[in-house]
N, C-alpha and C. Protein backbone atom coordinates (compact mmCIF):
# COMPACT_ATOMS: atom_id res chain seq x y z
N MET A 1 50.97 8.13 -64.80
CA MET A 1 51.42 8.09 -63.61
C MET A 1 50.66 8.83 -62.51
N ASN A 2 50.51 9.89 -62.78
CA ASN A 2 49.80 10.81 -62.12
C ASN A 2 48.58 10.95 -62.09
N ARG A 3 48.01 10.41 -63.18
CA ARG A 3 46.43 9.38 -63.26
C ARG A 3 46.48 8.82 -61.83
N GLN A 4 47.54 8.22 -61.61
CA GLN A 4 46.70 6.84 -60.90
C GLN A 4 47.18 7.11 -59.40
N ARG A 5 48.14 8.22 -59.61
CA ARG A 5 47.95 9.21 -57.75
C ARG A 5 47.01 9.41 -57.54
N GLY A 6 46.30 10.24 -58.28
CA GLY A 6 45.11 11.22 -57.83
C GLY A 6 44.00 9.92 -57.97
N SER A 7 43.91 9.17 -58.29
CA SER A 7 42.69 8.54 -58.10
C SER A 7 43.34 7.61 -56.83
N VAL A 8 44.04 7.20 -56.54
CA VAL A 8 44.44 6.73 -54.99
C VAL A 8 44.28 7.49 -53.72
N LEU A 9 44.54 9.37 -53.80
CA LEU A 9 44.44 10.20 -53.49
C LEU A 9 42.55 10.33 -53.27
N ILE A 10 41.80 10.06 -53.86
CA ILE A 10 40.39 10.12 -54.46
C ILE A 10 39.67 8.92 -53.51
N VAL A 11 40.19 7.69 -53.62
CA VAL A 11 39.76 6.24 -52.43
C VAL A 11 40.35 6.66 -51.56
N SER A 12 41.33 7.23 -51.28
CA SER A 12 41.67 7.12 -49.27
C SER A 12 40.57 8.53 -49.20
N LEU A 13 40.26 9.23 -49.50
CA LEU A 13 39.38 10.25 -49.53
C LEU A 13 37.87 9.72 -48.64
N ILE A 14 37.66 8.85 -49.55
CA ILE A 14 36.18 7.83 -49.73
C ILE A 14 36.30 7.09 -48.20
N PHE A 15 37.54 6.62 -47.98
CA PHE A 15 37.75 5.42 -47.24
C PHE A 15 37.63 6.56 -45.74
N VAL A 16 38.25 7.25 -45.70
CA VAL A 16 38.37 8.11 -44.41
C VAL A 16 36.67 8.45 -44.09
N VAL A 17 36.23 8.81 -45.26
CA VAL A 17 34.89 9.89 -45.24
C VAL A 17 34.15 8.28 -44.72
N LEU A 18 33.74 7.02 -45.28
CA LEU A 18 33.10 5.98 -44.45
C LEU A 18 33.56 6.00 -43.13
N MET A 19 34.91 5.97 -43.13
CA MET A 19 35.17 5.25 -41.28
C MET A 19 34.72 6.21 -40.35
N SER A 20 34.74 7.60 -41.19
CA SER A 20 34.17 8.58 -40.09
C SER A 20 33.04 8.51 -40.32
N ILE A 21 31.91 8.09 -41.20
CA ILE A 21 30.63 7.67 -40.50
C ILE A 21 30.33 6.63 -39.78
N ILE A 22 31.06 5.52 -40.17
CA ILE A 22 31.05 4.38 -39.09
C ILE A 22 30.98 4.89 -38.08
N ALA A 23 32.06 5.58 -37.61
CA ALA A 23 32.77 5.83 -36.06
C ALA A 23 31.30 6.66 -35.74
N VAL A 24 31.39 7.85 -36.45
CA VAL A 24 30.49 8.59 -35.45
C VAL A 24 28.95 7.29 -35.37
N SER A 25 28.16 6.71 -36.49
CA SER A 25 27.22 5.97 -35.81
C SER A 25 27.28 5.11 -34.78
N GLY A 26 28.96 4.79 -35.00
CA GLY A 26 28.89 3.50 -33.86
C GLY A 26 29.03 4.37 -32.31
N MET A 27 29.19 5.71 -32.46
CA MET A 27 29.38 6.68 -30.82
C MET A 27 28.10 6.80 -30.94
N GLN A 28 27.17 6.93 -31.75
CA GLN A 28 25.47 7.55 -30.99
C GLN A 28 24.85 6.07 -30.73
N ILE A 29 24.99 4.67 -31.56
CA ILE A 29 24.57 3.56 -30.93
C ILE A 29 24.75 3.20 -29.80
N THR A 30 26.32 3.60 -29.20
CA THR A 30 26.68 3.13 -27.75
C THR A 30 25.78 4.03 -26.95
N SER A 31 26.34 5.64 -26.94
CA SER A 31 25.32 6.59 -26.51
C SER A 31 23.71 6.51 -26.19
N LEU A 32 23.08 5.45 -27.15
CA LEU A 32 21.65 5.28 -26.99
C LEU A 32 21.76 3.72 -26.12
N GLU A 33 22.09 2.90 -26.68
CA GLU A 33 22.16 1.69 -25.22
C GLU A 33 22.89 2.32 -24.00
N GLU A 34 23.54 3.33 -23.88
CA GLU A 34 23.87 3.47 -22.51
C GLU A 34 22.63 4.15 -22.15
N ARG A 35 22.08 4.99 -22.81
CA ARG A 35 20.86 5.45 -22.08
C ARG A 35 19.46 4.67 -22.03
N MET A 36 19.32 3.65 -22.58
CA MET A 36 18.48 2.48 -22.58
C MET A 36 18.53 1.47 -21.04
N ALA A 37 20.36 1.25 -21.16
CA ALA A 37 20.66 0.86 -20.31
C ALA A 37 20.50 1.40 -18.78
N GLY A 38 20.93 2.83 -18.72
CA GLY A 38 20.12 3.85 -17.38
C GLY A 38 19.41 3.43 -17.32
N ASN A 39 18.28 4.08 -18.08
CA ASN A 39 16.80 4.04 -17.89
C ASN A 39 16.38 2.15 -17.30
N HIS A 40 16.48 1.63 -17.59
CA HIS A 40 16.68 0.01 -17.45
C HIS A 40 16.48 -0.07 -15.58
N GLN A 41 17.85 0.08 -15.51
CA GLN A 41 18.34 -0.09 -14.11
C GLN A 41 17.28 0.88 -13.14
N ASP A 42 17.19 2.14 -13.84
CA ASP A 42 16.11 3.48 -13.10
C ASP A 42 15.11 3.05 -12.66
N LYS A 43 14.45 1.91 -13.66
CA LYS A 43 12.63 1.72 -13.80
C LYS A 43 13.12 -0.08 -12.50
N ASP A 44 14.09 -0.26 -12.52
CA ASP A 44 14.48 -1.65 -11.59
C ASP A 44 14.21 -0.63 -10.52
N ARG A 45 15.22 0.36 -10.10
CA ARG A 45 15.44 0.54 -8.97
C ARG A 45 13.60 1.23 -8.24
N ALA A 46 13.14 1.67 -9.16
CA ALA A 46 11.74 2.03 -8.97
C ALA A 46 10.43 0.86 -8.77
N PHE A 47 11.02 -0.09 -9.15
CA PHE A 47 10.41 -1.65 -8.84
C PHE A 47 10.70 -2.22 -8.00
N GLN A 48 11.98 -2.00 -7.03
CA GLN A 48 12.12 -2.41 -6.18
C GLN A 48 12.34 -1.38 -4.87
N ALA A 49 11.64 -0.22 -4.89
CA ALA A 49 11.68 0.65 -3.96
C ALA A 49 9.97 0.32 -3.58
N ALA A 50 8.91 0.18 -4.65
CA ALA A 50 7.65 -0.19 -4.76
C ALA A 50 7.19 -1.42 -4.30
N GLU A 51 8.19 -2.66 -4.57
CA GLU A 51 7.91 -3.90 -4.02
C GLU A 51 8.50 -3.95 -2.22
N ALA A 52 9.57 -2.85 -1.86
CA ALA A 52 9.63 -2.94 -0.64
C ALA A 52 8.30 -2.30 0.22
N ALA A 53 8.19 -1.52 -0.38
CA ALA A 53 6.95 -0.36 0.44
C ALA A 53 5.92 -1.39 0.29
N LEU A 54 5.62 -2.55 -0.48
CA LEU A 54 4.63 -3.47 -0.78
C LEU A 54 4.55 -4.32 0.59
N VAL A 55 5.68 -4.87 0.39
CA VAL A 55 5.97 -5.77 2.09
C VAL A 55 5.67 -5.16 3.27
N GLU A 56 6.30 -3.79 3.19
CA GLU A 56 6.29 -3.26 4.80
C GLU A 56 4.86 -3.04 5.09
N GLY A 57 3.79 -2.58 3.95
CA GLY A 57 2.27 -2.60 3.76
C GLY A 57 1.97 -3.22 4.75
N GLU A 58 2.08 -4.71 3.49
CA GLU A 58 1.50 -6.18 4.61
C GLU A 58 1.83 -6.46 5.69
N GLN A 59 2.87 -6.40 5.66
CA GLN A 59 3.56 -6.23 7.22
C GLN A 59 2.68 -5.61 8.43
N TYR A 60 2.81 -4.55 8.29
CA TYR A 60 1.95 -3.48 8.94
C TYR A 60 0.22 -4.20 8.88
N VAL A 61 -0.13 -4.29 7.98
CA VAL A 61 -1.43 -5.03 8.08
C VAL A 61 -1.48 -6.35 9.38
N LEU A 62 -0.56 -6.64 9.00
CA LEU A 62 -0.42 -8.22 9.85
C LEU A 62 -0.25 -8.35 11.07
N THR A 63 0.58 -7.20 11.44
CA THR A 63 0.93 -7.15 13.01
C THR A 63 0.39 -6.09 13.18
N THR A 64 -1.00 -5.30 12.89
CA THR A 64 -1.49 -4.26 13.67
C THR A 64 -3.16 -5.01 14.38
N SER A 65 -3.25 -4.92 15.17
CA SER A 65 -4.75 -5.09 15.40
C SER A 65 -5.85 -4.20 15.26
N PHE A 66 -6.61 -4.05 14.61
CA PHE A 66 -7.68 -3.50 14.17
C PHE A 66 -9.06 -3.72 14.89
N ASP A 67 -9.73 -3.08 15.87
CA ASP A 67 -10.57 -3.65 16.36
C ASP A 67 -12.17 -3.22 15.60
N ARG A 68 -12.29 -4.24 15.17
CA ARG A 68 -13.83 -4.61 14.37
C ARG A 68 -14.50 -3.42 14.10
N GLU A 69 -15.09 -3.43 15.97
CA GLU A 69 -16.17 -2.88 15.82
C GLU A 69 -16.30 -1.27 15.96
N VAL A 70 -14.69 -0.76 15.98
CA VAL A 70 -14.33 0.55 16.01
C VAL A 70 -13.64 1.41 14.45
N ASN A 71 -12.77 0.21 14.08
CA ASN A 71 -11.73 1.18 12.98
C ASN A 71 -12.26 1.40 11.60
N PHE A 72 -13.61 0.42 11.46
CA PHE A 72 -14.28 0.64 9.94
C PHE A 72 -15.57 0.97 10.11
N LYS A 73 -15.50 1.76 11.54
CA LYS A 73 -17.18 2.79 11.03
C LYS A 73 -16.77 3.82 10.84
N THR A 74 -17.75 4.50 11.05
CA THR A 74 -17.87 6.75 10.29
C THR A 74 -17.23 7.14 11.56
N ALA A 75 -17.64 6.64 13.19
CA ALA A 75 -17.81 7.70 13.83
C ALA A 75 -16.46 6.82 14.46
N CYS A 76 -15.44 6.57 13.84
CA CYS A 76 -14.03 6.03 14.18
C CYS A 76 -13.20 7.21 14.90
N THR A 77 -12.54 7.10 15.77
CA THR A 77 -11.56 8.61 16.07
C THR A 77 -10.22 8.13 16.27
N GLY A 78 -9.23 8.14 16.13
CA GLY A 78 -7.64 8.06 16.05
C GLY A 78 -6.82 7.24 14.85
N SER A 79 -5.75 6.92 15.14
CA SER A 79 -4.62 7.13 14.33
C SER A 79 -5.10 5.72 13.20
N LEU A 80 -5.97 5.08 13.81
CA LEU A 80 -6.28 3.46 13.22
C LEU A 80 -7.36 3.29 12.43
N CYS A 81 -8.42 4.97 11.91
CA CYS A 81 -9.06 4.48 11.31
C CYS A 81 -9.40 4.75 10.26
N PHE A 82 -10.17 3.55 9.58
CA PHE A 82 -9.98 3.83 7.63
C PHE A 82 -11.53 4.31 7.40
N ASP A 83 -11.29 5.33 6.52
CA ASP A 83 -12.13 6.65 5.73
C ASP A 83 -12.39 6.58 4.99
N ASP A 84 -12.74 7.56 4.12
CA ASP A 84 -13.02 7.97 2.41
C ASP A 84 -12.01 8.69 2.31
N GLU A 85 -11.29 9.87 3.08
CA GLU A 85 -10.30 10.66 2.53
C GLU A 85 -8.97 10.03 3.16
N CYS A 86 -8.81 8.63 3.33
CA CYS A 86 -7.64 7.54 3.36
C CYS A 86 -6.33 8.38 4.42
N ALA A 87 -7.31 9.30 5.16
CA ALA A 87 -6.46 9.73 6.59
C ALA A 87 -5.27 8.82 7.12
N GLY A 88 -3.88 9.02 6.83
CA GLY A 88 -2.68 8.30 7.33
C GLY A 88 -2.71 7.25 6.12
N GLY A 89 -3.43 7.37 5.29
CA GLY A 89 -3.26 6.23 4.42
C GLY A 89 -4.07 4.87 4.20
N LEU A 90 -4.92 5.09 5.06
CA LEU A 90 -6.09 4.29 5.24
C LEU A 90 -7.14 4.46 4.50
N CYS A 91 -7.74 3.64 3.81
CA CYS A 91 -8.56 3.96 2.97
C CYS A 91 -9.69 3.03 3.36
N LEU A 92 -11.01 3.51 3.14
CA LEU A 92 -12.53 2.47 3.12
C LEU A 92 -13.17 3.41 1.81
N THR A 93 -13.36 2.67 1.23
CA THR A 93 -13.84 2.55 -0.04
C THR A 93 -15.07 1.91 -0.37
N GLY A 94 -15.34 0.96 0.70
CA GLY A 94 -17.00 1.00 0.91
C GLY A 94 -17.70 1.37 1.95
N ARG A 95 -18.93 0.52 2.38
CA ARG A 95 -19.66 0.85 3.29
C ARG A 95 -19.80 -0.17 4.74
N ILE A 96 -19.54 0.16 5.57
CA ILE A 96 -19.86 -0.84 6.90
C ILE A 96 -20.83 -0.53 7.55
N THR A 97 -22.00 -1.38 7.32
CA THR A 97 -23.27 -1.51 7.72
C THR A 97 -23.67 -2.52 8.86
N SER A 98 -24.66 -3.32 8.67
CA SER A 98 -24.79 -4.85 9.29
C SER A 98 -23.88 -5.89 8.41
N GLY A 99 -22.77 -5.01 7.83
CA GLY A 99 -21.63 -6.01 7.16
C GLY A 99 -20.77 -5.09 6.41
N CYS A 100 -20.75 -5.40 5.15
CA CYS A 100 -20.41 -4.26 4.58
C CYS A 100 -20.39 -4.45 2.66
N GLU A 101 -20.32 -3.27 1.80
CA GLU A 101 -20.58 -3.66 0.78
C GLU A 101 -19.31 -2.74 0.26
N ILE A 102 -19.52 -3.16 -1.65
CA ILE A 102 -18.75 -1.97 -2.15
C ILE A 102 -19.75 -0.78 -3.07
N ARG A 103 -19.23 0.00 -2.75
CA ARG A 103 -19.88 1.18 -3.07
C ARG A 103 -20.34 1.18 -4.71
N GLU A 104 -21.38 1.83 -5.27
CA GLU A 104 -21.18 1.33 -6.81
C GLU A 104 -20.49 2.64 -7.89
N THR A 105 -20.49 3.75 -6.78
CA THR A 105 -19.29 4.53 -7.81
C THR A 105 -17.63 3.82 -7.76
N GLU A 106 -17.18 4.74 -8.67
CA GLU A 106 -15.19 4.40 -8.45
C GLU A 106 -15.15 4.17 -7.07
N ASN A 107 -14.43 3.18 -6.85
CA ASN A 107 -13.12 3.14 -5.61
C ASN A 107 -12.22 2.56 -5.44
N GLU A 108 -11.12 3.67 -6.55
CA GLU A 108 -10.05 3.30 -6.58
C GLU A 108 -9.26 4.22 -6.46
N PRO A 109 -8.33 4.96 -4.87
CA PRO A 109 -7.88 6.24 -4.83
C PRO A 109 -6.48 6.04 -5.08
N TRP A 110 -6.09 4.97 -5.18
CA TRP A 110 -5.16 5.05 -5.45
C TRP A 110 -4.62 5.29 -7.23
N LEU A 111 -5.55 5.76 -7.81
CA LEU A 111 -5.24 5.98 -9.28
C LEU A 111 -4.70 7.76 -9.59
N GLU A 112 -4.26 8.54 -10.18
CA GLU A 112 -3.80 9.55 -10.39
C GLU A 112 -4.88 10.74 -10.93
N ASN A 113 -4.97 11.61 -10.08
CA ASN A 113 -6.32 12.53 -11.01
C ASN A 113 -5.81 13.20 -11.69
N ASP A 114 -6.32 14.70 -12.12
CA ASP A 114 -6.16 15.38 -13.33
C ASP A 114 -4.74 16.53 -12.49
N ASN A 115 -5.16 16.34 -11.41
CA ASN A 115 -4.37 17.36 -10.51
C ASN A 115 -2.90 17.02 -10.14
N SER A 116 -2.83 15.85 -10.56
CA SER A 116 -1.28 15.06 -10.35
C SER A 116 -0.03 16.03 -10.53
N ALA A 117 0.86 15.57 -9.43
CA ALA A 117 2.26 16.54 -9.92
C ALA A 117 2.62 15.95 -10.73
N TYR A 118 2.92 14.64 -11.12
CA TYR A 118 3.26 13.95 -12.23
C TYR A 118 2.65 14.55 -13.97
N GLY A 119 3.46 14.02 -14.80
CA GLY A 119 3.19 14.45 -15.94
C GLY A 119 1.90 13.48 -16.83
N SER A 120 2.07 12.38 -16.65
CA SER A 120 0.47 11.71 -16.93
C SER A 120 -0.27 11.15 -16.42
N PRO A 121 -1.14 11.65 -15.63
CA PRO A 121 -1.88 11.06 -14.83
C PRO A 121 -2.57 9.45 -15.58
N LEU A 122 -2.95 9.17 -14.86
CA LEU A 122 -3.82 7.72 -15.07
C LEU A 122 -4.91 7.91 -15.40
N THR A 123 -5.47 8.35 -13.98
CA THR A 123 -7.34 8.20 -14.67
C THR A 123 -7.66 8.90 -12.97
N ASP A 124 -8.86 9.57 -13.10
CA ASP A 124 -9.28 10.16 -12.03
C ASP A 124 -9.68 8.85 -10.92
N GLY A 125 -8.60 9.30 -9.58
CA GLY A 125 -9.05 8.71 -9.03
C GLY A 125 -10.24 8.68 -7.65
N ASN A 126 -10.64 7.45 -6.83
CA ASN A 126 -12.06 8.05 -6.41
C ASN A 126 -12.43 7.63 -5.15
N ASN A 127 -12.25 8.09 -4.26
CA ASN A 127 -12.31 7.88 -2.72
C ASN A 127 -13.66 7.03 -2.39
N GLY A 128 -14.59 6.47 -3.40
CA GLY A 128 -15.46 5.47 -2.92
C GLY A 128 -16.78 6.56 -2.97
N ALA A 129 -16.67 7.77 -2.05
CA ALA A 129 -18.15 8.34 -2.05
C ALA A 129 -18.27 9.69 -3.03
N GLY A 130 -17.72 9.36 -4.30
CA GLY A 130 -17.78 9.87 -5.67
C GLY A 130 -17.00 11.16 -5.53
N ASN A 131 -16.34 11.46 -5.03
CA ASN A 131 -15.30 12.19 -4.65
C ASN A 131 -13.89 12.30 -5.41
N LEU A 132 -13.37 12.96 -6.24
CA LEU A 132 -11.98 12.66 -6.68
C LEU A 132 -11.22 13.04 -5.71
N ILE A 133 -9.51 12.01 -5.43
CA ILE A 133 -8.84 12.13 -3.99
C ILE A 133 -7.27 11.78 -4.74
N ASN A 134 -6.34 12.59 -4.43
CA ASN A 134 -5.22 12.24 -4.97
C ASN A 134 -4.02 11.61 -3.49
N VAL A 135 -3.76 10.36 -3.25
CA VAL A 135 -3.24 10.34 -2.14
C VAL A 135 -1.98 10.13 -2.08
N TRP A 136 -1.37 10.57 -3.63
CA TRP A 136 0.06 10.56 -3.20
C TRP A 136 0.97 11.50 -3.60
N THR A 137 -0.02 12.72 -3.96
CA THR A 137 0.69 14.11 -3.60
C THR A 137 0.06 15.05 -2.70
N THR A 138 -0.90 14.30 -1.74
CA THR A 138 -1.30 15.04 -0.69
C THR A 138 -0.79 14.52 0.30
N ASN A 139 0.00 15.15 1.26
CA ASN A 139 0.60 14.94 2.66
C ASN A 139 -0.63 14.40 3.64
N GLY A 140 -0.54 13.47 4.20
CA GLY A 140 -1.55 12.95 5.18
C GLY A 140 -2.29 11.71 4.55
N LYS A 141 -2.28 11.43 3.27
CA LYS A 141 -2.85 10.69 2.37
C LYS A 141 -2.37 9.70 2.28
N HIS A 142 -1.59 8.99 2.65
CA HIS A 142 -0.33 7.65 2.17
C HIS A 142 0.69 7.79 3.45
N ARG A 143 0.83 6.46 3.56
CA ARG A 143 2.09 6.35 4.47
C ARG A 143 3.17 6.29 3.50
N VAL A 144 4.55 6.85 4.00
CA VAL A 144 5.67 6.76 3.09
C VAL A 144 6.57 5.39 4.04
N ALA A 145 7.11 4.87 3.20
CA ALA A 145 8.30 3.79 3.31
C ALA A 145 9.37 3.85 4.07
N SER A 146 9.36 3.27 5.54
CA SER A 146 10.42 3.42 6.35
C SER A 146 11.77 3.41 5.66
N GLU A 147 11.96 2.38 4.65
CA GLU A 147 13.31 1.83 4.01
C GLU A 147 13.26 2.88 2.80
N SER A 148 14.47 3.34 2.58
CA SER A 148 14.94 4.27 1.62
C SER A 148 16.15 3.85 0.52
N LEU A 149 15.73 3.54 -0.99
CA LEU A 149 16.74 2.83 -1.46
C LEU A 149 18.06 4.10 -1.70
N ASP A 150 19.06 3.52 -2.64
CA ASP A 150 19.63 4.54 -3.20
C ASP A 150 19.65 4.75 -4.40
N GLY A 151 19.72 5.92 -4.60
CA GLY A 151 19.78 6.52 -6.32
C GLY A 151 18.08 6.99 -6.79
N VAL A 152 17.25 6.67 -5.29
CA VAL A 152 16.12 7.01 -5.80
C VAL A 152 15.84 8.87 -5.25
N THR A 153 15.04 9.35 -6.11
CA THR A 153 14.33 10.33 -5.44
C THR A 153 14.17 10.40 -4.22
N SER A 154 13.04 9.82 -3.94
CA SER A 154 12.20 10.08 -2.79
C SER A 154 11.75 8.94 -2.12
N SER A 155 11.25 8.51 -0.90
CA SER A 155 11.14 7.20 -0.68
C SER A 155 9.39 6.61 -1.14
N ALA A 156 9.38 5.29 -1.54
CA ALA A 156 8.26 4.63 -1.78
C ALA A 156 7.30 5.23 -0.82
N LYS A 157 5.64 5.22 -1.10
CA LYS A 157 4.69 5.46 -0.52
C LYS A 157 3.60 4.78 -0.56
N TYR A 158 2.42 3.82 0.11
CA TYR A 158 1.78 2.94 -0.11
C TYR A 158 0.65 3.59 0.74
N ILE A 159 -0.58 3.10 0.11
CA ILE A 159 -1.99 3.06 0.89
C ILE A 159 -2.54 1.64 1.06
N ILE A 160 -3.14 1.69 1.95
CA ILE A 160 -4.13 0.24 2.58
C ILE A 160 -5.56 0.84 2.33
N GLU A 161 -5.88 -0.69 1.65
CA GLU A 161 -7.78 -0.16 1.80
C GLU A 161 -8.25 -1.47 2.22
N PHE A 162 -8.95 -1.29 3.11
CA PHE A 162 -9.99 -2.41 3.78
C PHE A 162 -11.52 -2.44 3.20
N ILE A 163 -10.97 -4.05 2.39
CA ILE A 163 -11.96 -4.20 0.99
C ILE A 163 -13.29 -4.42 1.86
N CYS A 164 -13.31 -5.99 2.82
CA CYS A 164 -14.63 -6.34 3.10
C CYS A 164 -13.99 -7.36 3.78
N PHE A 165 -14.95 -7.96 4.15
CA PHE A 165 -15.20 -9.38 4.98
C PHE A 165 -15.47 -10.22 4.33
N THR A 166 -14.30 -10.94 4.79
CA THR A 166 -14.38 -12.68 3.98
C THR A 166 -14.99 -14.02 4.57
N PRO A 167 -15.79 -14.87 4.11
CA PRO A 167 -15.84 -16.29 5.03
C PRO A 167 -14.27 -16.44 5.29
N LYS A 168 -13.69 -17.34 6.21
CA LYS A 168 -12.60 -17.66 6.54
C LYS A 168 -12.31 -18.84 5.84
N ASP A 169 -13.43 -19.91 5.80
CA ASP A 169 -13.47 -21.09 4.64
C ASP A 169 -14.46 -20.63 3.40
N PRO A 170 -13.76 -20.42 1.96
CA PRO A 170 -13.87 -20.18 1.54
C PRO A 170 -15.35 -21.59 0.65
N ASP A 171 -15.16 -22.71 0.90
CA ASP A 171 -15.59 -23.68 0.62
C ASP A 171 -16.73 -24.16 1.40
N ALA A 172 -16.98 -23.39 2.19
CA ALA A 172 -18.26 -24.14 3.42
C ALA A 172 -19.20 -23.05 3.16
N PRO A 173 -20.46 -23.47 3.48
CA PRO A 173 -21.73 -22.29 3.39
C PRO A 173 -21.38 -20.86 4.10
N ALA A 174 -21.83 -20.31 3.91
CA ALA A 174 -21.79 -18.41 4.09
C ALA A 174 -22.58 -18.62 5.41
N PRO A 175 -21.17 -17.65 6.14
CA PRO A 175 -21.78 -18.16 8.00
C PRO A 175 -23.08 -17.15 7.97
N ASP A 176 -23.63 -17.32 8.81
CA ASP A 176 -25.00 -16.34 9.13
C ASP A 176 -24.71 -15.55 10.28
N ALA A 177 -23.10 -15.79 10.99
CA ALA A 177 -22.79 -14.25 12.05
C ALA A 177 -22.64 -12.79 11.60
N TYR A 178 -22.51 -12.02 11.96
CA TYR A 178 -22.57 -10.96 11.70
C TYR A 178 -20.55 -10.32 11.22
N PRO A 179 -20.56 -10.06 10.35
CA PRO A 179 -18.98 -10.24 9.75
C PRO A 179 -17.81 -10.06 10.94
N ASN A 180 -17.79 -9.02 11.70
CA ASN A 180 -17.07 -8.88 13.05
C ASN A 180 -16.66 -10.21 13.72
N ASP A 181 -17.53 -11.52 13.31
CA ASP A 181 -17.25 -12.20 14.09
C ASP A 181 -16.09 -12.61 13.60
N SER A 182 -14.90 -12.57 14.39
CA SER A 182 -13.51 -13.33 13.77
C SER A 182 -13.52 -14.17 14.08
N ALA A 183 -14.09 -15.63 14.58
CA ALA A 183 -14.25 -16.75 14.13
C ALA A 183 -14.99 -17.21 12.84
N GLU A 184 -15.81 -16.56 12.57
CA GLU A 184 -16.19 -17.38 11.16
C GLU A 184 -15.87 -16.17 9.92
N TRP A 185 -15.58 -14.77 10.51
CA TRP A 185 -14.49 -13.95 8.86
C TRP A 185 -14.03 -13.53 8.89
N SER A 186 -12.73 -13.47 7.89
CA SER A 186 -11.67 -12.98 8.07
C SER A 186 -11.78 -11.31 7.15
N GLU A 187 -10.79 -10.76 7.37
CA GLU A 187 -10.66 -9.18 6.53
C GLU A 187 -9.82 -9.19 5.44
N MET A 188 -10.23 -8.70 4.35
CA MET A 188 -9.34 -8.52 2.96
C MET A 188 -8.94 -6.53 2.94
N TYR A 189 -7.98 -6.61 2.38
CA TYR A 189 -6.91 -5.43 2.28
C TYR A 189 -6.69 -5.72 0.81
N ARG A 190 -6.34 -4.38 0.49
CA ARG A 190 -5.36 -4.04 -0.85
C ARG A 190 -4.90 -3.17 -0.42
N ILE A 191 -3.44 -3.25 -0.49
CA ILE A 191 -2.31 -2.89 -0.31
C ILE A 191 -1.68 -2.25 -1.78
N THR A 192 -1.13 -0.79 -1.71
CA THR A 192 -0.65 -0.57 -3.36
C THR A 192 0.26 0.78 -2.72
N ALA A 193 1.42 0.10 -3.83
CA ALA A 193 2.56 1.18 -3.53
C ALA A 193 2.88 1.44 -4.77
N LEU A 194 3.66 2.75 -4.39
CA LEU A 194 4.03 3.37 -5.70
C LEU A 194 5.50 3.80 -5.69
N GLY A 195 6.19 3.26 -6.55
CA GLY A 195 7.92 3.57 -6.05
C GLY A 195 8.67 4.37 -7.42
N THR A 196 9.23 4.90 -7.16
CA THR A 196 10.30 6.15 -8.16
C THR A 196 11.65 6.02 -7.94
N GLY A 197 11.76 6.21 -9.45
CA GLY A 197 13.42 6.06 -10.08
C GLY A 197 14.66 6.81 -9.14
N GLY A 198 15.24 7.20 -10.12
CA GLY A 198 16.25 8.27 -10.08
C GLY A 198 15.76 9.56 -10.50
N GLN A 199 14.62 9.35 -11.51
CA GLN A 199 14.12 10.51 -11.94
C GLN A 199 12.39 9.95 -11.59
N ASP A 200 11.93 11.03 -11.57
CA ASP A 200 10.12 11.25 -11.10
C ASP A 200 9.26 10.20 -12.36
N SER A 201 10.01 10.61 -13.38
CA SER A 201 9.37 9.97 -14.60
C SER A 201 8.86 8.27 -14.50
N ASN A 202 10.06 7.79 -13.62
CA ASN A 202 10.45 6.61 -13.84
C ASN A 202 9.15 6.08 -12.50
N ARG A 203 8.31 5.49 -12.45
CA ARG A 203 7.45 5.19 -11.83
C ARG A 203 7.07 3.53 -12.08
N VAL A 204 6.88 2.74 -10.51
CA VAL A 204 6.21 1.44 -10.96
C VAL A 204 5.32 1.45 -9.75
N MET A 205 3.98 1.13 -10.15
CA MET A 205 2.83 0.82 -8.78
C MET A 205 2.81 -0.52 -9.09
N LEU A 206 2.71 -1.29 -7.91
CA LEU A 206 1.89 -2.69 -7.43
C LEU A 206 1.20 -2.97 -6.72
N GLN A 207 0.40 -3.56 -6.61
CA GLN A 207 -0.44 -3.61 -5.54
C GLN A 207 -0.36 -5.63 -5.35
N SER A 208 -1.44 -5.60 -4.10
CA SER A 208 -1.42 -7.56 -3.62
C SER A 208 -2.92 -7.30 -2.53
N ILE A 209 -3.62 -8.02 -2.77
CA ILE A 209 -4.75 -8.34 -2.02
C ILE A 209 -4.28 -9.36 -0.95
N LEU A 210 -4.67 -8.74 0.38
CA LEU A 210 -4.27 -9.36 1.55
C LEU A 210 -5.61 -10.04 2.76
N LYS A 211 -5.64 -11.47 2.76
CA LYS A 211 -6.50 -11.85 3.12
C LYS A 211 -6.08 -12.31 5.27
N LYS A 212 -6.49 -11.66 5.93
CA LYS A 212 -5.84 -11.69 7.27
C LYS A 212 -7.25 -12.13 7.91
N ASP A 213 -6.78 -13.13 9.18
CA ASP A 213 -8.04 -14.12 9.74
C ASP A 213 -7.58 -13.40 11.52
């Protein structure tokens, strides 16, 4: 009889240990799922911030009248100038001569260079003139979105690149007129937005190509 009581005690202890292990494992899984859900939510905040900044950049291009004879030229002065240094977040990575051309050097200023404040740079950003450039951590080389979402560490940023002129009618023969002729040519822009979530490590970058008649 005593032996049977001892066996019951041992079995009971084993069950208690097993239940404790299951409970601890369940708590760990729940904690992991909560962290994953929180990270996903924060990533979504970063996406929404970047998307709002992208729309703001597109609206800025569509509602701002750029002077084709002035704002895309090297001698341009003022707040609406597109240049190699992305002053005011307005970048010119090509060349404007009798028309416009894309430079042979890399022209991706939106990429992060090795001096980035973030932990994992994408690659070397280039201003199209062979020089490294970091538009996101340098003041004056990006535009800050006017709308700031709740729960994000900082407002999203965006830059606007003038790419080139393009014929208004892609199916028609290429017009002979100089690209500054607004009746024949449209303007092409690339808008890049970078949004962060509640943590700087959660970042989303979005881009769009915009044709403006």
